[in-house]
């Protein structure tokens, strides 16, 4: 979430945005309840209209 929304705003979203995709919980509550982090992330993406090409995170070139 930090890569997409920035460190500060991602914390706000995680604690306040209610996600239908994880049973009407916030991301923080869903993770604490045992939801798979990927499912939580995809629920955030759906609500925040993150385009499919950015749902896997930013590309980081391998080193070495």
N, C-alpha and C. Protein backbone atom coordinates (compact mmCIF):
# COMPACT_ATOMS: atom_id res chain seq x y z
N UNK A 1 0.82 -1.18 0.00
CA UNK A 1 0.00 0.00 0.00
C UNK A 1 0.87 1.25 0.00
N UNK A 2 2.02 1.18 0.66
CA UNK A 2 2.90 2.34 0.70
C UNK A 2 3.35 2.74 -0.70
N UNK A 3 3.67 1.77 -1.55
CA UNK A 3 4.11 2.08 -2.90
C UNK A 3 3.03 2.80 -3.70
N UNK A 4 1.80 2.42 -3.50
CA UNK A 4 0.70 2.99 -4.28
C UNK A 4 0.20 4.31 -3.70
N UNK A 5 0.09 4.39 -2.38
CA UNK A 5 -0.58 5.53 -1.76
C UNK A 5 0.33 6.42 -0.90
N UNK A 6 1.55 5.98 -0.67
CA UNK A 6 2.43 6.71 0.24
C UNK A 6 2.27 6.20 1.66
N UNK A 7 3.32 6.32 2.45
CA UNK A 7 3.34 5.74 3.80
C UNK A 7 2.24 6.30 4.70
N UNK A 8 2.05 7.60 4.69
CA UNK A 8 1.05 8.19 5.58
C UNK A 8 -0.38 7.85 5.19
N UNK A 9 -0.69 8.05 3.91
CA UNK A 9 -2.07 7.83 3.47
C UNK A 9 -2.44 6.35 3.51
N UNK A 10 -1.47 5.46 3.27
CA UNK A 10 -1.79 4.03 3.31
C UNK A 10 -2.23 3.61 4.71
N UNK A 11 -1.66 4.23 5.75
CA UNK A 11 -2.06 3.93 7.13
C UNK A 11 -3.48 4.41 7.39
N UNK A 12 -3.81 5.58 6.85
CA UNK A 12 -5.17 6.10 7.00
C UNK A 12 -6.17 5.17 6.31
N UNK A 13 -5.86 4.77 5.09
CA UNK A 13 -6.74 3.86 4.36
C UNK A 13 -6.90 2.53 5.09
N UNK A 14 -5.79 1.98 5.55
CA UNK A 14 -5.83 0.67 6.20
C UNK A 14 -6.73 0.67 7.43
N UNK A 15 -6.75 1.79 8.13
CA UNK A 15 -7.52 1.85 9.36
C UNK A 15 -8.93 2.40 9.24
N UNK A 16 -9.27 2.97 8.08
CA UNK A 16 -10.59 3.61 7.99
C UNK A 16 -11.44 3.19 6.80
N UNK A 17 -10.84 2.71 5.74
CA UNK A 17 -11.60 2.35 4.54
C UNK A 17 -12.25 0.98 4.73
N UNK A 18 -13.58 0.94 4.66
CA UNK A 18 -14.32 -0.30 4.82
C UNK A 18 -14.38 -1.01 3.47
N UNK A 19 -13.99 -2.29 3.48
CA UNK A 19 -13.84 -3.06 2.24
C UNK A 19 -14.88 -4.18 2.17
N UNK A 20 -15.76 -4.08 1.20
CA UNK A 20 -16.78 -5.11 1.02
C UNK A 20 -16.15 -6.47 0.70
N UNK A 21 -15.03 -6.44 -0.01
CA UNK A 21 -14.38 -7.68 -0.43
C UNK A 21 -13.83 -8.53 0.70
N UNK A 22 -13.76 -7.97 1.90
CA UNK A 22 -13.31 -8.75 3.07
C UNK A 22 -14.35 -8.66 4.19
N UNK A 23 -15.59 -8.69 3.80
CA UNK A 23 -16.67 -8.76 4.76
C UNK A 23 -16.98 -7.47 5.51
N UNK A 24 -16.75 -6.33 4.86
CA UNK A 24 -17.07 -5.06 5.49
C UNK A 24 -16.12 -4.67 6.61
N UNK A 25 -14.88 -5.13 6.51
CA UNK A 25 -13.84 -4.79 7.48
C UNK A 25 -12.87 -3.78 6.89
N UNK A 26 -12.12 -3.14 7.75
CA UNK A 26 -11.00 -2.34 7.26
C UNK A 26 -9.86 -3.31 6.94
N UNK A 27 -8.85 -2.83 6.23
CA UNK A 27 -7.70 -3.68 5.92
C UNK A 27 -7.03 -4.15 7.20
N UNK A 28 -6.89 -3.26 8.15
CA UNK A 28 -6.26 -3.61 9.43
C UNK A 28 -7.04 -4.71 10.13
N UNK A 29 -8.36 -4.57 10.20
CA UNK A 29 -9.19 -5.57 10.85
C UNK A 29 -9.19 -6.90 10.09
N UNK A 30 -9.21 -6.82 8.77
CA UNK A 30 -9.21 -8.04 7.95
C UNK A 30 -7.92 -8.83 8.16
N UNK A 31 -6.79 -8.15 8.18
CA UNK A 31 -5.52 -8.83 8.41
C UNK A 31 -5.47 -9.44 9.81
N UNK A 32 -5.97 -8.70 10.79
CA UNK A 32 -6.00 -9.21 12.17
C UNK A 32 -6.93 -10.42 12.30
N UNK A 33 -7.94 -10.49 11.42
CA UNK A 33 -8.90 -11.60 11.45
C UNK A 33 -8.41 -12.81 10.66
N UNK A 34 -7.25 -12.69 10.03
CA UNK A 34 -6.67 -13.83 9.33
C UNK A 34 -6.88 -13.86 7.83
N UNK A 35 -7.40 -12.79 7.25
CA UNK A 35 -7.54 -12.76 5.80
C UNK A 35 -6.17 -12.75 5.15
N UNK A 36 -6.08 -13.36 4.00
CA UNK A 36 -4.84 -13.38 3.23
C UNK A 36 -4.50 -11.95 2.80
N UNK A 37 -3.26 -11.51 3.02
CA UNK A 37 -2.89 -10.15 2.63
C UNK A 37 -3.17 -9.82 1.17
N UNK A 38 -3.00 -10.79 0.29
CA UNK A 38 -3.30 -10.55 -1.13
C UNK A 38 -4.78 -10.22 -1.34
N UNK A 39 -5.66 -10.94 -0.66
CA UNK A 39 -7.10 -10.68 -0.78
C UNK A 39 -7.44 -9.29 -0.25
N UNK A 40 -6.78 -8.90 0.82
CA UNK A 40 -7.01 -7.57 1.39
C UNK A 40 -6.55 -6.51 0.40
N UNK A 41 -5.35 -6.70 -0.16
CA UNK A 41 -4.81 -5.74 -1.12
C UNK A 41 -5.74 -5.62 -2.33
N UNK A 42 -6.22 -6.73 -2.85
CA UNK A 42 -7.11 -6.68 -4.01
C UNK A 42 -8.43 -5.99 -3.67
N UNK A 43 -8.91 -6.15 -2.45
CA UNK A 43 -10.12 -5.44 -2.03
C UNK A 43 -9.87 -3.93 -1.98
N UNK A 44 -8.69 -3.54 -1.49
CA UNK A 44 -8.32 -2.12 -1.49
C UNK A 44 -8.26 -1.61 -2.92
N UNK A 45 -7.63 -2.37 -3.80
CA UNK A 45 -7.51 -1.97 -5.21
C UNK A 45 -8.87 -1.76 -5.85
N UNK A 46 -9.80 -2.65 -5.56
CA UNK A 46 -11.15 -2.53 -6.13
C UNK A 46 -11.82 -1.23 -5.69
N UNK A 47 -11.75 -0.93 -4.41
CA UNK A 47 -12.41 0.26 -3.88
C UNK A 47 -11.73 1.54 -4.35
N UNK A 48 -10.41 1.50 -4.45
CA UNK A 48 -9.64 2.70 -4.80
C UNK A 48 -9.36 2.81 -6.30
N UNK A 49 -9.92 1.91 -7.09
CA UNK A 49 -9.75 1.93 -8.55
C UNK A 49 -8.28 1.91 -8.98
N UNK A 50 -7.48 1.08 -8.31
CA UNK A 50 -6.10 0.89 -8.73
C UNK A 50 -6.12 0.07 -10.02
N UNK A 51 -5.51 0.57 -11.08
CA UNK A 51 -5.55 -0.15 -12.35
C UNK A 51 -4.82 -1.49 -12.26
N UNK A 52 -5.27 -2.46 -13.05
CA UNK A 52 -4.69 -3.80 -13.00
C UNK A 52 -3.17 -3.82 -13.15
N UNK A 53 -2.62 -2.94 -13.96
CA UNK A 53 -1.17 -2.96 -14.19
C UNK A 53 -0.37 -2.50 -12.96
N UNK A 54 -1.05 -1.95 -11.95
CA UNK A 54 -0.33 -1.52 -10.74
C UNK A 54 -0.68 -2.38 -9.53
N UNK A 55 -1.47 -3.40 -9.71
CA UNK A 55 -1.89 -4.21 -8.57
C UNK A 55 -0.80 -5.16 -8.08
N UNK A 56 0.20 -5.41 -8.86
CA UNK A 56 1.30 -6.27 -8.43
C UNK A 56 2.45 -5.48 -7.82
N UNK A 57 2.30 -4.19 -7.72
CA UNK A 57 3.35 -3.35 -7.16
C UNK A 57 4.25 -2.81 -8.26
N UNK A 58 5.13 -1.92 -7.86
CA UNK A 58 6.01 -1.32 -8.85
C UNK A 58 7.10 -2.30 -9.26
N UNK A 59 7.55 -2.17 -10.46
CA UNK A 59 8.63 -3.01 -10.97
C UNK A 59 9.96 -2.55 -10.38
N UNK A 60 10.67 -3.49 -9.82
CA UNK A 60 12.01 -3.22 -9.30
C UNK A 60 12.97 -4.11 -10.06
N UNK A 61 13.90 -3.50 -10.75
CA UNK A 61 14.85 -4.27 -11.53
C UNK A 61 15.77 -5.06 -10.60
N UNK A 62 16.03 -6.31 -10.93
CA UNK A 62 16.93 -7.10 -10.10
C UNK A 62 18.34 -6.53 -10.13
N UNK A 63 19.03 -6.66 -9.02
CA UNK A 63 20.42 -6.21 -8.97
C UNK A 63 21.34 -7.40 -9.16
N UNK A 64 22.52 -7.10 -9.67
CA UNK A 64 23.56 -8.13 -9.78
C UNK A 64 23.48 -8.88 -11.00
